[in-house]
């Protein structure tokens, strides 16, 4: 099973992000770059992507996720846009987290602590909370500069919601894109 841990958006925030994506889709530059846009039901903020895990590790991961989390519910807002990598040809278009960034990092740290106690190999990296909105399949140096400029100056509507749980997802790849199924959830400490 291909698995990842994430927090999700509420329905209003999904609609608002969907409106942003809809506007970007209309841009001729993005049309020429072949962008695979993320559908509203699949929007999430990833804490950790695992890839394929066997059934034993899956069951262990479910138990780790289902336990109550120390972090209390908190608000998240999105207020910027950009691409990864930060230099070179763009591959991922994202919306940046403003409010809630430090709390997402705390969740990420707790996840790493929980998993390391159970023998998961945890590669440490700087966690940069962001919402992936599209994967850029083809671009050039020139279009990359223009894409960065468009996203840097993108005017976002108010996008803010409350995170109250951590979710374990299974990702199934299909010809139309990935399909996500929630396999487990853990509530944040009320």
N, C-alpha and C. Protein backbone atom coordinates (compact mmCIF):
# COMPACT_ATOMS: atom_id res chain seq x y z
N UNK A 1 0.83 -1.18 0.00
CA UNK A 1 0.00 0.00 0.00
C UNK A 1 0.88 1.25 0.00
N UNK A 2 0.53 2.22 -0.84
CA UNK A 2 1.21 3.52 -0.84
C UNK A 2 0.53 4.39 0.21
N UNK A 3 1.27 4.83 1.21
CA UNK A 3 0.68 5.52 2.35
C UNK A 3 1.35 6.87 2.62
N UNK A 4 0.55 7.79 3.15
CA UNK A 4 1.10 9.05 3.64
C UNK A 4 0.24 9.58 4.78
N UNK A 5 0.82 10.45 5.59
CA UNK A 5 0.12 11.07 6.72
C UNK A 5 -0.02 12.55 6.40
N UNK A 6 -1.22 13.09 6.68
CA UNK A 6 -1.49 14.48 6.30
C UNK A 6 -2.59 15.06 7.18
N UNK A 7 -2.77 16.36 7.03
CA UNK A 7 -3.96 17.04 7.56
C UNK A 7 -4.72 17.55 6.33
N UNK A 8 -6.02 17.67 6.49
CA UNK A 8 -6.85 18.04 5.35
C UNK A 8 -7.47 19.42 5.54
N UNK A 9 -8.12 19.91 4.53
CA UNK A 9 -8.79 21.21 4.55
C UNK A 9 -10.28 21.00 4.78
N UNK A 10 -10.96 22.03 5.26
CA UNK A 10 -12.41 21.95 5.34
C UNK A 10 -13.00 22.22 3.95
N UNK A 11 -14.30 22.04 3.81
CA UNK A 11 -14.93 22.14 2.48
C UNK A 11 -14.85 23.55 1.90
N UNK A 12 -15.00 24.59 2.73
CA UNK A 12 -14.93 25.97 2.22
C UNK A 12 -13.52 26.27 1.70
N UNK A 13 -12.51 25.85 2.44
CA UNK A 13 -11.13 26.07 2.00
C UNK A 13 -10.84 25.31 0.71
N UNK A 14 -11.35 24.09 0.60
CA UNK A 14 -11.19 23.33 -0.64
C UNK A 14 -11.81 24.07 -1.82
N UNK A 15 -13.00 24.64 -1.60
CA UNK A 15 -13.65 25.40 -2.67
C UNK A 15 -12.81 26.62 -3.05
N UNK A 16 -12.29 27.33 -2.05
CA UNK A 16 -11.48 28.51 -2.34
C UNK A 16 -10.20 28.16 -3.09
N UNK A 17 -9.54 27.08 -2.68
CA UNK A 17 -8.34 26.64 -3.40
C UNK A 17 -8.73 26.17 -4.80
N UNK A 18 -9.86 25.49 -4.91
CA UNK A 18 -10.34 25.07 -6.22
C UNK A 18 -10.56 26.25 -7.16
N UNK A 19 -11.04 27.37 -6.62
CA UNK A 19 -11.23 28.59 -7.43
C UNK A 19 -9.89 29.14 -7.91
N UNK A 20 -8.88 29.09 -7.04
CA UNK A 20 -7.53 29.54 -7.41
C UNK A 20 -6.99 28.67 -8.54
N UNK A 21 -7.14 27.36 -8.38
CA UNK A 21 -6.66 26.43 -9.41
C UNK A 21 -7.40 26.67 -10.72
N UNK A 22 -8.69 26.88 -10.65
CA UNK A 22 -9.50 27.13 -11.84
C UNK A 22 -9.00 28.35 -12.61
N UNK A 23 -8.66 29.40 -11.89
CA UNK A 23 -8.13 30.62 -12.54
C UNK A 23 -6.76 30.34 -13.17
N UNK A 24 -5.90 29.62 -12.46
CA UNK A 24 -4.57 29.31 -13.01
C UNK A 24 -4.67 28.42 -14.25
N UNK A 25 -5.63 27.50 -14.25
CA UNK A 25 -5.84 26.61 -15.41
C UNK A 25 -6.10 27.39 -16.70
N UNK A 26 -6.75 28.53 -16.56
CA UNK A 26 -7.11 29.35 -17.73
C UNK A 26 -5.90 30.07 -18.32
N UNK A 27 -4.84 30.17 -17.57
CA UNK A 27 -3.65 30.89 -18.03
C UNK A 27 -2.95 30.08 -19.14
N UNK A 28 -2.73 30.69 -20.27
CA UNK A 28 -2.12 30.03 -21.43
C UNK A 28 -0.76 29.45 -21.08
N UNK A 29 0.00 30.14 -20.26
CA UNK A 29 1.32 29.65 -19.88
C UNK A 29 1.22 28.30 -19.17
N UNK A 30 0.28 28.18 -18.22
CA UNK A 30 0.13 26.92 -17.50
C UNK A 30 -0.40 25.83 -18.42
N UNK A 31 -1.24 26.19 -19.38
CA UNK A 31 -1.75 25.21 -20.34
C UNK A 31 -0.60 24.65 -21.19
N UNK A 32 0.36 25.48 -21.54
CA UNK A 32 1.46 25.02 -22.38
C UNK A 32 2.48 24.19 -21.61
N UNK A 33 2.45 24.26 -20.30
CA UNK A 33 3.42 23.54 -19.47
C UNK A 33 2.93 22.17 -19.02
N UNK A 34 1.74 21.80 -19.40
CA UNK A 34 1.17 20.52 -18.98
C UNK A 34 1.24 20.36 -17.46
N UNK A 35 0.34 21.00 -16.78
CA UNK A 35 0.27 20.91 -15.32
C UNK A 35 -0.83 19.92 -14.95
N UNK A 36 -0.52 18.99 -14.07
CA UNK A 36 -1.52 18.08 -13.51
C UNK A 36 -2.00 18.72 -12.21
N UNK A 37 -3.16 19.34 -12.26
CA UNK A 37 -3.71 20.06 -11.11
C UNK A 37 -4.31 19.08 -10.13
N UNK A 38 -4.23 19.42 -8.84
CA UNK A 38 -4.79 18.58 -7.79
C UNK A 38 -6.29 18.86 -7.67
N UNK A 39 -7.09 17.82 -7.66
CA UNK A 39 -8.54 17.99 -7.52
C UNK A 39 -8.88 18.33 -6.06
N UNK A 40 -9.97 19.06 -5.88
CA UNK A 40 -10.35 19.51 -4.53
C UNK A 40 -10.42 18.40 -3.49
N UNK A 41 -10.99 17.22 -3.80
CA UNK A 41 -11.04 16.17 -2.77
C UNK A 41 -9.65 15.67 -2.34
N UNK A 42 -8.65 15.90 -3.15
CA UNK A 42 -7.30 15.41 -2.84
C UNK A 42 -6.40 16.44 -2.16
N UNK A 43 -6.91 17.62 -1.89
CA UNK A 43 -6.08 18.66 -1.27
C UNK A 43 -5.75 18.29 0.17
N UNK A 44 -4.48 18.42 0.53
CA UNK A 44 -4.03 18.09 1.88
C UNK A 44 -2.65 18.71 2.12
N UNK A 45 -2.27 18.78 3.37
CA UNK A 45 -0.92 19.20 3.76
C UNK A 45 -0.20 17.95 4.26
N UNK A 46 0.76 17.47 3.52
CA UNK A 46 1.46 16.24 3.87
C UNK A 46 2.38 16.46 5.07
N UNK A 47 2.34 15.52 6.00
CA UNK A 47 3.31 15.49 7.10
C UNK A 47 4.43 14.51 6.79
N UNK A 48 4.07 13.35 6.18
CA UNK A 48 5.09 12.35 5.84
C UNK A 48 4.55 11.42 4.77
N UNK A 49 5.33 11.25 3.69
CA UNK A 49 5.00 10.28 2.65
C UNK A 49 5.86 9.04 2.87
N UNK A 50 5.24 7.86 2.87
CA UNK A 50 5.96 6.62 3.13
C UNK A 50 6.21 5.81 1.88
N UNK A 51 5.36 5.94 0.88
CA UNK A 51 5.47 5.05 -0.27
C UNK A 51 4.84 3.70 0.11
N UNK A 52 5.34 2.63 -0.50
CA UNK A 52 4.77 1.30 -0.28
C UNK A 52 5.21 0.71 1.05
N UNK A 53 4.22 0.26 1.82
CA UNK A 53 4.49 -0.43 3.09
C UNK A 53 3.74 -1.75 3.08
N UNK A 54 4.33 -2.76 3.74
CA UNK A 54 3.65 -4.06 3.83
C UNK A 54 2.55 -3.99 4.89
N UNK A 55 1.75 -5.05 4.99
CA UNK A 55 0.57 -5.04 5.87
C UNK A 55 0.97 -4.92 7.34
N UNK A 56 2.09 -5.49 7.74
CA UNK A 56 2.52 -5.39 9.13
C UNK A 56 2.84 -3.94 9.49
N UNK A 57 3.59 -3.25 8.64
CA UNK A 57 3.93 -1.84 8.89
C UNK A 57 2.68 -0.96 8.81
N UNK A 58 1.77 -1.32 7.91
CA UNK A 58 0.51 -0.58 7.80
C UNK A 58 -0.28 -0.64 9.11
N UNK A 59 -0.41 -1.83 9.68
CA UNK A 59 -1.16 -1.99 10.94
C UNK A 59 -0.48 -1.23 12.07
N UNK A 60 0.84 -1.26 12.11
CA UNK A 60 1.58 -0.51 13.12
C UNK A 60 1.36 0.99 12.94
N UNK A 61 1.40 1.44 11.71
CA UNK A 61 1.19 2.86 11.41
C UNK A 61 -0.22 3.30 11.82
N UNK A 62 -1.21 2.45 11.59
CA UNK A 62 -2.57 2.78 12.01
C UNK A 62 -2.64 2.99 13.52
N UNK A 63 -1.99 2.12 14.28
CA UNK A 63 -2.00 2.26 15.75
C UNK A 63 -1.30 3.54 16.18
N UNK A 64 -0.18 3.87 15.54
CA UNK A 64 0.57 5.07 15.87
C UNK A 64 -0.27 6.33 15.60
N UNK A 65 -0.96 6.35 14.49
CA UNK A 65 -1.75 7.52 14.10
C UNK A 65 -3.00 7.68 14.96
N UNK A 66 -3.64 6.59 15.34
CA UNK A 66 -4.94 6.65 16.04
C UNK A 66 -4.84 7.18 17.47
N UNK A 67 -3.67 7.10 18.07
CA UNK A 67 -3.52 7.61 19.44
C UNK A 67 -3.73 9.12 19.46
N UNK A 68 -4.34 9.67 20.52
CA UNK A 68 -4.53 11.13 20.60
C UNK A 68 -3.19 11.86 20.50
N UNK A 69 -3.22 13.01 19.87
CA UNK A 69 -2.02 13.81 19.66
C UNK A 69 -1.92 14.88 20.75
N UNK A 70 -0.71 15.26 21.09
CA UNK A 70 -0.49 16.27 22.14
C UNK A 70 -0.94 17.66 21.71
N UNK A 71 -0.80 17.96 20.43
CA UNK A 71 -1.15 19.28 19.90
C UNK A 71 -2.66 19.49 19.99
N UNK A 72 -3.07 20.67 20.40
CA UNK A 72 -4.50 20.99 20.40
C UNK A 72 -4.88 21.51 19.01
N UNK A 73 -6.18 21.51 18.67
CA UNK A 73 -6.60 22.03 17.36
C UNK A 73 -6.09 23.45 17.15
N UNK A 74 -5.81 23.78 15.90
CA UNK A 74 -5.24 25.09 15.58
C UNK A 74 -5.69 25.52 14.19
N UNK A 75 -5.58 26.82 13.93
CA UNK A 75 -5.95 27.38 12.64
C UNK A 75 -4.77 27.38 11.69
N UNK A 76 -5.09 27.20 10.42
CA UNK A 76 -4.11 27.27 9.34
C UNK A 76 -4.64 28.24 8.30
N UNK A 77 -3.75 29.06 7.76
CA UNK A 77 -4.14 29.93 6.65
C UNK A 77 -3.08 29.86 5.56
N UNK A 78 -3.52 30.11 4.34
CA UNK A 78 -2.64 30.12 3.17
C UNK A 78 -2.56 31.54 2.66
N UNK A 79 -1.34 32.01 2.36
CA UNK A 79 -1.23 33.42 1.97
C UNK A 79 -0.20 33.71 0.88
N UNK A 80 0.41 32.67 0.33
CA UNK A 80 1.42 32.90 -0.70
C UNK A 80 1.40 31.74 -1.68
N UNK A 81 2.15 31.89 -2.76
CA UNK A 81 2.24 30.82 -3.76
C UNK A 81 3.66 30.78 -4.32
N UNK A 82 4.05 29.63 -4.81
CA UNK A 82 5.38 29.49 -5.38
C UNK A 82 5.55 28.14 -6.03
N UNK A 83 6.81 27.79 -6.32
CA UNK A 83 7.13 26.51 -6.94
C UNK A 83 8.32 25.87 -6.26
N UNK A 84 8.39 24.56 -6.37
CA UNK A 84 9.58 23.78 -6.02
C UNK A 84 10.09 23.16 -7.30
N UNK A 85 11.38 23.01 -7.48
CA UNK A 85 12.41 23.54 -6.60
C UNK A 85 12.47 25.06 -6.68
N UNK A 86 13.15 25.64 -5.72
CA UNK A 86 13.23 27.10 -5.64
C UNK A 86 14.04 27.69 -6.79
N UNK A 87 14.92 26.89 -7.38
CA UNK A 87 15.71 27.32 -8.55
C UNK A 87 15.61 26.23 -9.61
N UNK A 88 15.82 26.60 -10.86
CA UNK A 88 15.73 25.63 -11.95
C UNK A 88 14.32 25.51 -12.47
N UNK A 89 14.08 24.42 -13.20
CA UNK A 89 12.76 24.21 -13.80
C UNK A 89 11.74 23.87 -12.73
N UNK A 90 10.61 24.57 -12.72
CA UNK A 90 9.58 24.29 -11.71
C UNK A 90 8.94 22.93 -11.93
N UNK A 91 8.67 22.24 -10.81
CA UNK A 91 8.04 20.93 -10.88
C UNK A 91 6.75 20.85 -10.07
N UNK A 92 6.65 21.66 -9.01
CA UNK A 92 5.49 21.64 -8.13
C UNK A 92 5.02 23.06 -7.87
N UNK A 93 3.73 23.33 -8.11
CA UNK A 93 3.13 24.62 -7.74
C UNK A 93 2.46 24.43 -6.39
N UNK A 94 2.64 25.40 -5.49
CA UNK A 94 2.13 25.27 -4.13
C UNK A 94 1.58 26.58 -3.58
N UNK A 95 0.77 26.44 -2.53
CA UNK A 95 0.32 27.58 -1.74
C UNK A 95 0.99 27.46 -0.38
N UNK A 96 1.50 28.58 0.13
CA UNK A 96 2.28 28.57 1.36
C UNK A 96 1.44 28.82 2.60
N UNK A 97 1.83 28.15 3.68
CA UNK A 97 1.15 28.28 4.96
C UNK A 97 1.69 29.48 5.70
N UNK A 98 0.79 30.29 6.24
CA UNK A 98 1.16 31.42 7.08
C UNK A 98 0.83 31.03 8.52
N UNK A 99 -0.37 31.32 8.96
CA UNK A 99 -0.80 30.95 10.30
C UNK A 99 -0.82 29.42 10.42
N UNK A 100 -0.29 28.90 11.50
CA UNK A 100 -0.30 27.46 11.73
C UNK A 100 0.96 26.74 11.30
N UNK A 101 1.87 27.44 10.67
CA UNK A 101 3.10 26.80 10.18
C UNK A 101 3.89 26.14 11.32
N UNK A 102 4.05 26.86 12.42
CA UNK A 102 4.83 26.29 13.54
C UNK A 102 4.10 25.11 14.18
N UNK A 103 2.78 25.15 14.22
CA UNK A 103 2.01 24.04 14.81
C UNK A 103 2.07 22.80 13.90
N UNK A 104 2.09 23.01 12.58
CA UNK A 104 2.27 21.88 11.67
C UNK A 104 3.65 21.26 11.87
N UNK A 105 4.65 22.09 12.11
CA UNK A 105 6.00 21.57 12.38
C UNK A 105 6.02 20.76 13.67
N UNK A 106 5.27 21.20 14.69
CA UNK A 106 5.17 20.44 15.94
C UNK A 106 4.53 19.08 15.67
N UNK A 107 3.46 19.05 14.86
CA UNK A 107 2.83 17.77 14.50
C UNK A 107 3.82 16.87 13.77
N UNK A 108 4.56 17.45 12.84
CA UNK A 108 5.56 16.69 12.09
C UNK A 108 6.61 16.11 13.04
N UNK A 109 7.07 16.90 14.01
CA UNK A 109 8.06 16.41 14.99
C UNK A 109 7.49 15.28 15.82
N UNK A 110 6.23 15.43 16.27
CA UNK A 110 5.62 14.37 17.07
C UNK A 110 5.46 13.09 16.25
N UNK A 111 5.09 13.23 14.99
CA UNK A 111 4.98 12.06 14.11
C UNK A 111 6.33 11.35 14.00
N UNK A 112 7.39 12.11 13.78
CA UNK A 112 8.72 11.51 13.67
C UNK A 112 9.11 10.81 14.97
N UNK A 113 8.80 11.43 16.11
CA UNK A 113 9.12 10.82 17.40
C UNK A 113 8.35 9.52 17.58
N UNK A 114 7.06 9.53 17.29
CA UNK A 114 6.24 8.33 17.43
C UNK A 114 6.76 7.20 16.55
N UNK A 115 7.08 7.54 15.31
CA UNK A 115 7.50 6.51 14.35
C UNK A 115 8.87 5.94 14.66
N UNK A 116 9.79 6.79 15.11
CA UNK A 116 11.14 6.30 15.41
C UNK A 116 11.12 5.31 16.57
N UNK A 117 10.16 5.45 17.49
CA UNK A 117 10.02 4.50 18.60
C UNK A 117 9.60 3.12 18.12
N UNK A 118 9.05 3.05 16.92
CA UNK A 118 8.56 1.79 16.37
C UNK A 118 9.41 1.28 15.21
N UNK A 119 10.62 1.80 15.12
CA UNK A 119 11.57 1.27 14.16
C UNK A 119 11.46 1.79 12.74
N UNK A 120 10.65 2.82 12.52
CA UNK A 120 10.60 3.40 11.19
C UNK A 120 11.87 4.21 10.97
N UNK A 121 12.48 4.04 9.84
CA UNK A 121 13.66 4.82 9.48
C UNK A 121 13.19 6.21 9.07
N UNK A 122 13.62 7.21 9.81
CA UNK A 122 13.12 8.56 9.58
C UNK A 122 14.25 9.46 9.09
N UNK A 123 14.19 9.84 7.83
CA UNK A 123 15.15 10.78 7.28
C UNK A 123 14.71 12.18 7.70
N UNK A 124 15.58 12.89 8.36
CA UNK A 124 15.24 14.24 8.82
C UNK A 124 15.50 15.24 7.70
N UNK A 125 14.60 16.14 7.55
CA UNK A 125 14.70 17.20 6.57
C UNK A 125 13.98 18.40 7.15
N UNK A 126 14.23 19.54 6.59
CA UNK A 126 13.51 20.72 7.06
C UNK A 126 12.09 20.64 6.53
N UNK A 127 11.14 20.62 7.44
CA UNK A 127 9.74 20.53 7.05
C UNK A 127 9.25 21.90 6.63
N UNK A 128 8.74 22.01 5.40
CA UNK A 128 8.21 23.26 4.87
C UNK A 128 6.72 23.06 4.57
N UNK A 129 5.85 23.45 5.51
CA UNK A 129 4.42 23.24 5.27
C UNK A 129 3.94 23.98 4.02
N UNK A 130 3.29 23.25 3.14
CA UNK A 130 2.76 23.83 1.90
C UNK A 130 1.65 22.94 1.37
N UNK A 131 0.82 23.52 0.54
CA UNK A 131 -0.27 22.81 -0.09
C UNK A 131 0.05 22.68 -1.58
N UNK A 132 0.34 21.48 -2.03
CA UNK A 132 0.60 21.26 -3.45
C UNK A 132 -0.71 21.44 -4.22
N UNK A 133 -0.66 22.29 -5.25
CA UNK A 133 -1.87 22.49 -6.08
C UNK A 133 -1.69 21.97 -7.50
N UNK A 134 -0.44 21.71 -7.92
CA UNK A 134 -0.22 21.19 -9.26
C UNK A 134 1.18 20.65 -9.45
N UNK A 135 1.31 19.68 -10.33
CA UNK A 135 2.62 19.12 -10.69
C UNK A 135 2.89 19.49 -12.14
N UNK A 136 3.99 20.21 -12.33
CA UNK A 136 4.33 20.75 -13.66
C UNK A 136 5.12 19.70 -14.41
N UNK A 137 4.56 19.25 -15.51
CA UNK A 137 5.16 18.14 -16.27
C UNK A 137 6.15 18.60 -17.33
N UNK A 138 5.97 19.82 -17.84
CA UNK A 138 6.87 20.29 -18.90
C UNK A 138 6.97 21.81 -18.79
N UNK A 139 8.19 22.30 -18.78
CA UNK A 139 8.41 23.74 -18.77
C UNK A 139 9.81 24.02 -19.34
N UNK A 140 10.08 25.27 -19.55
CA UNK A 140 11.40 25.70 -20.03
C UNK A 140 11.93 26.72 -19.04
N UNK A 141 13.18 27.11 -19.22
CA UNK A 141 13.76 28.12 -18.34
C UNK A 141 12.92 29.40 -18.40
N UNK A 142 12.54 29.80 -19.62
CA UNK A 142 11.77 31.02 -19.81
C UNK A 142 10.39 30.93 -19.16
N UNK A 143 9.68 29.80 -19.40
CA UNK A 143 8.35 29.66 -18.79
C UNK A 143 8.46 29.52 -17.28
N UNK A 144 9.55 28.92 -16.81
CA UNK A 144 9.76 28.79 -15.36
C UNK A 144 9.84 30.14 -14.67
N UNK A 145 10.54 31.09 -15.30
CA UNK A 145 10.64 32.44 -14.76
C UNK A 145 9.25 33.08 -14.71
N UNK A 146 8.48 32.90 -15.78
CA UNK A 146 7.14 33.49 -15.85
C UNK A 146 6.19 32.84 -14.83
N UNK A 147 6.30 31.53 -14.67
CA UNK A 147 5.46 30.83 -13.68
C UNK A 147 5.75 31.35 -12.28
N UNK A 148 7.03 31.46 -11.95
CA UNK A 148 7.40 31.99 -10.63
C UNK A 148 6.83 33.39 -10.42
N UNK A 149 6.89 34.22 -11.46
CA UNK A 149 6.39 35.58 -11.36
C UNK A 149 4.86 35.60 -11.17
N UNK A 150 4.15 34.78 -11.93
CA UNK A 150 2.69 34.72 -11.80
C UNK A 150 2.30 34.30 -10.38
N UNK A 151 2.95 33.25 -9.87
CA UNK A 151 2.59 32.75 -8.54
C UNK A 151 3.01 33.73 -7.44
N UNK A 152 4.13 34.39 -7.62
CA UNK A 152 4.60 35.36 -6.62
C UNK A 152 3.60 36.50 -6.45
N UNK A 153 2.93 36.88 -7.54
CA UNK A 153 1.99 38.01 -7.52
C UNK A 153 0.52 37.57 -7.46
N UNK A 154 0.30 36.29 -7.21
CA UNK A 154 -1.05 35.75 -7.16
C UNK A 154 -1.82 36.33 -5.97
N UNK A 155 -3.01 36.81 -6.24
CA UNK A 155 -3.87 37.34 -5.17
C UNK A 155 -4.78 36.20 -4.70
N UNK A 156 -4.62 35.82 -3.43
CA UNK A 156 -5.39 34.71 -2.89
C UNK A 156 -6.60 35.21 -2.10
N UNK A 157 -7.72 34.48 -2.20
CA UNK A 157 -8.85 34.80 -1.31
C UNK A 157 -8.47 34.37 0.11
N UNK A 158 -9.29 34.72 1.06
CA UNK A 158 -9.05 34.28 2.44
C UNK A 158 -9.24 32.76 2.50
N UNK A 159 -8.17 32.07 2.88
CA UNK A 159 -8.23 30.61 3.00
C UNK A 159 -7.73 30.26 4.40
N UNK A 160 -8.68 29.88 5.27
CA UNK A 160 -8.35 29.61 6.67
C UNK A 160 -9.29 28.54 7.21
N UNK A 161 -8.75 27.59 7.96
CA UNK A 161 -9.57 26.53 8.53
C UNK A 161 -8.90 26.03 9.81
N UNK A 162 -9.62 25.16 10.52
CA UNK A 162 -9.11 24.58 11.77
C UNK A 162 -8.69 23.14 11.53
N UNK A 163 -7.47 22.81 11.95
CA UNK A 163 -6.97 21.44 11.89
C UNK A 163 -7.28 20.80 13.23
N UNK A 164 -7.98 19.66 13.21
CA UNK A 164 -8.33 18.99 14.46
C UNK A 164 -8.01 17.50 14.45
N UNK A 165 -7.36 17.04 13.37
CA UNK A 165 -7.03 15.61 13.28
C UNK A 165 -5.87 15.38 12.31
N UNK A 166 -5.23 14.24 12.49
CA UNK A 166 -4.17 13.77 11.60
C UNK A 166 -4.72 12.53 10.90
N UNK A 167 -4.51 12.44 9.59
CA UNK A 167 -5.08 11.35 8.81
C UNK A 167 -4.01 10.50 8.14
N UNK A 168 -4.25 9.20 8.11
CA UNK A 168 -3.43 8.27 7.36
C UNK A 168 -4.18 7.94 6.08
N UNK A 169 -3.54 8.19 4.95
CA UNK A 169 -4.16 7.97 3.65
C UNK A 169 -3.46 6.85 2.89
N UNK A 170 -4.26 6.13 2.11
CA UNK A 170 -3.72 5.25 1.08
C UNK A 170 -3.88 5.97 -0.24
N UNK A 171 -2.85 5.92 -1.07
CA UNK A 171 -2.88 6.55 -2.38
C UNK A 171 -2.86 5.45 -3.45
N UNK A 172 -3.90 5.44 -4.27
CA UNK A 172 -3.96 4.49 -5.38
C UNK A 172 -3.79 5.27 -6.67
N UNK A 173 -2.86 4.84 -7.48
CA UNK A 173 -2.59 5.52 -8.74
C UNK A 173 -3.51 4.96 -9.82
N UNK A 174 -4.12 5.89 -10.58
CA UNK A 174 -4.98 5.49 -11.69
C UNK A 174 -4.60 6.32 -12.91
N UNK A 175 -5.20 6.01 -14.03
CA UNK A 175 -4.91 6.74 -15.26
C UNK A 175 -5.39 8.19 -15.18
N UNK A 176 -6.32 8.48 -14.29
CA UNK A 176 -6.84 9.84 -14.14
C UNK A 176 -6.19 10.59 -12.98
N UNK A 177 -5.19 9.99 -12.35
CA UNK A 177 -4.53 10.61 -11.21
C UNK A 177 -4.70 9.77 -9.96
N UNK A 178 -4.13 10.23 -8.88
CA UNK A 178 -4.20 9.48 -7.63
C UNK A 178 -5.58 9.60 -6.98
N UNK A 179 -5.97 8.52 -6.32
CA UNK A 179 -7.20 8.49 -5.56
C UNK A 179 -6.80 8.18 -4.12
N UNK A 180 -7.28 9.02 -3.18
CA UNK A 180 -6.90 8.88 -1.78
C UNK A 180 -8.05 8.32 -0.96
N UNK A 181 -7.71 7.40 -0.04
CA UNK A 181 -8.67 6.82 0.88
C UNK A 181 -8.14 6.97 2.30
N UNK A 182 -8.96 7.51 3.21
CA UNK A 182 -8.56 7.62 4.61
C UNK A 182 -8.59 6.23 5.22
N UNK A 183 -7.48 5.84 5.86
CA UNK A 183 -7.36 4.53 6.49
C UNK A 183 -7.39 4.60 8.01
N UNK A 184 -7.03 5.77 8.56
CA UNK A 184 -7.04 5.95 10.01
C UNK A 184 -6.99 7.42 10.33
N UNK A 185 -7.44 7.79 11.51
CA UNK A 185 -7.33 9.19 11.94
C UNK A 185 -7.02 9.24 13.42
N UNK A 186 -6.32 10.29 13.80
CA UNK A 186 -6.03 10.55 15.20
C UNK A 186 -6.44 11.97 15.51
N UNK A 187 -7.20 12.14 16.59
CA UNK A 187 -7.70 13.46 16.95
C UNK A 187 -6.65 14.24 17.72
N UNK A 188 -6.64 15.54 17.47
CA UNK A 188 -5.77 16.41 18.24
C UNK A 188 -6.38 16.59 19.63
N UNK A 189 -5.53 16.85 20.60
CA UNK A 189 -5.95 16.94 22.00
C UNK A 189 -6.87 18.12 22.20
N UNK A 190 -8.09 17.85 22.62
CA UNK A 190 -9.05 18.93 22.90
C UNK A 190 -8.70 19.49 24.22
